[in-house]
Amino acid sequence: MKYHNHEKFIDDYNKSDLDVSIDYLLEWIAALSENVRLGENFHAHGYSNDENCEEIMHTFTFEKCIIDNEKKLVYLGTSSKKV
C-alpha cells in the first residue's frame, strides 16, 4: 500500500515516543487498510508512557483514497490522550 503525506505521519510517530518500530507500525496499518473501503477512515492505536509513567493512547487516523489513479493511504492526523 502506498502512503500520501507520509512525512507528516513519520514526524507525528517520532513525537509520540511509541515503543514499536515504525516499520512494524506501517505494516500493521497496511494490514488494517485491507478491510477498509475507498473513502473510509480508519484508526491505528499505539501506546506510550509519559514522564509520570501514565499511559498515553495515540490514535493515528488514515483514509483510503485514490490519488493519481492509485490506492493510497492518506494520513489525516493524530490525537493523544491519557488512558
Protein backbone atom coordinates (compact mmCIF):
# COMPACT_ATOMS: atom_id res chain seq x y z
CA MET A 1 0.00 0.00 0.00
CA LYS A 2 1.30 3.45 -0.85
CA TYR A 3 1.08 6.38 1.51
CA HIS A 4 0.26 10.02 0.84
CA ASN A 5 1.84 12.73 3.08
CA HIS A 6 3.98 10.03 4.69
CA GLU A 7 6.44 12.59 6.08
CA LYS A 8 3.80 14.11 8.40
CA PHE A 9 3.00 10.66 9.77
CA ILE A 10 6.70 9.98 10.43
CA ASP A 11 7.02 13.31 12.26
CA ASP A 12 3.99 12.54 14.46
CA TYR A 13 5.22 9.00 15.10
CA ASN A 14 8.60 10.34 16.24
CA LYS A 15 6.89 12.78 18.64
CA SER A 16 4.71 10.04 20.14
CA ASP A 17 7.59 8.08 21.71
CA LEU A 18 5.87 4.76 20.92
CA ASP A 19 7.67 1.59 21.91
CA VAL A 20 7.17 -0.03 18.49
CA SER A 21 9.26 0.26 15.36
CA ILE A 22 7.99 2.44 12.53
CA ASP A 23 8.33 -0.47 10.09
CA TYR A 24 6.11 -2.70 12.23
CA LEU A 25 3.55 0.08 12.63
CA LEU A 26 3.46 0.73 8.86
CA GLU A 27 2.95 -3.00 8.20
CA TRP A 28 0.10 -3.07 10.75
CA ILE A 29 -1.55 -0.01 9.19
CA ALA A 30 -1.31 -1.55 5.72
CA ALA A 31 -2.88 -4.77 7.05
CA LEU A 32 -5.71 -2.83 8.71
CA SER A 33 -6.37 -0.95 5.48
CA GLU A 34 -7.16 -4.15 3.59
CA ASN A 35 -10.58 -4.28 5.28
CA VAL A 36 -11.38 -0.61 4.61
CA ARG A 37 -13.37 0.62 1.61
CA LEU A 38 -12.23 3.51 -0.51
CA GLY A 39 -13.21 6.81 1.09
CA GLU A 40 -13.45 5.37 4.60
CA ASN A 41 -11.39 6.50 7.58
CA PHE A 42 -9.75 4.09 9.98
CA HIS A 43 -7.57 4.35 13.06
CA ALA A 44 -4.44 2.69 14.37
CA HIS A 45 -3.69 2.98 18.09
CA GLY A 46 -0.36 2.96 19.84
CA TYR A 47 0.59 3.43 23.47
CA SER A 48 3.42 5.14 25.33
CA ASN A 49 4.11 6.39 28.85
CA ASP A 50 4.74 9.98 29.85
CA GLU A 51 7.35 11.18 32.34
CA ASN A 52 4.94 10.35 35.20
CA CYS A 53 4.54 6.77 33.92
CA GLU A 54 0.94 7.49 32.89
CA GLU A 55 -0.21 5.62 29.80
CA ILE A 56 -0.94 7.69 26.69
CA MET A 57 -3.02 6.37 23.78
CA HIS A 58 -2.09 7.76 20.36
CA THR A 59 -4.71 7.48 17.63
CA PHE A 60 -3.42 7.77 14.07
CA THR A 61 -6.17 8.43 11.52
CA PHE A 62 -5.99 7.45 7.86
CA GLU A 63 -8.29 7.44 4.86
CA LYS A 64 -8.08 5.09 1.91
CA CYS A 65 -8.28 7.12 -1.32
CA ILE A 66 -7.41 7.03 -4.97
CA ILE A 67 -4.76 9.60 -5.84
CA ASP A 68 -3.13 9.70 -9.26
CA ASN A 69 -5.07 6.53 -10.20
CA GLU A 70 -3.53 4.57 -7.31
CA LYS A 71 -4.97 3.41 -3.99
CA LYS A 72 -3.17 5.28 -1.24
CA LEU A 73 -3.49 5.78 2.48
CA VAL A 74 -3.81 9.44 3.36
CA TYR A 75 -2.63 10.37 6.84
CA LEU A 76 -5.19 12.71 8.43
CA GLY A 77 -3.53 13.30 11.78
CA THR A 78 -3.13 12.01 15.30
CA SER A 79 -4.62 12.64 18.69
CA SER A 80 -3.26 11.63 22.07
CA LYS A 81 -4.91 11.23 25.45
CA LYS A 82 -4.21 9.70 28.84
CA VAL A 83 -5.96 6.42 29.45
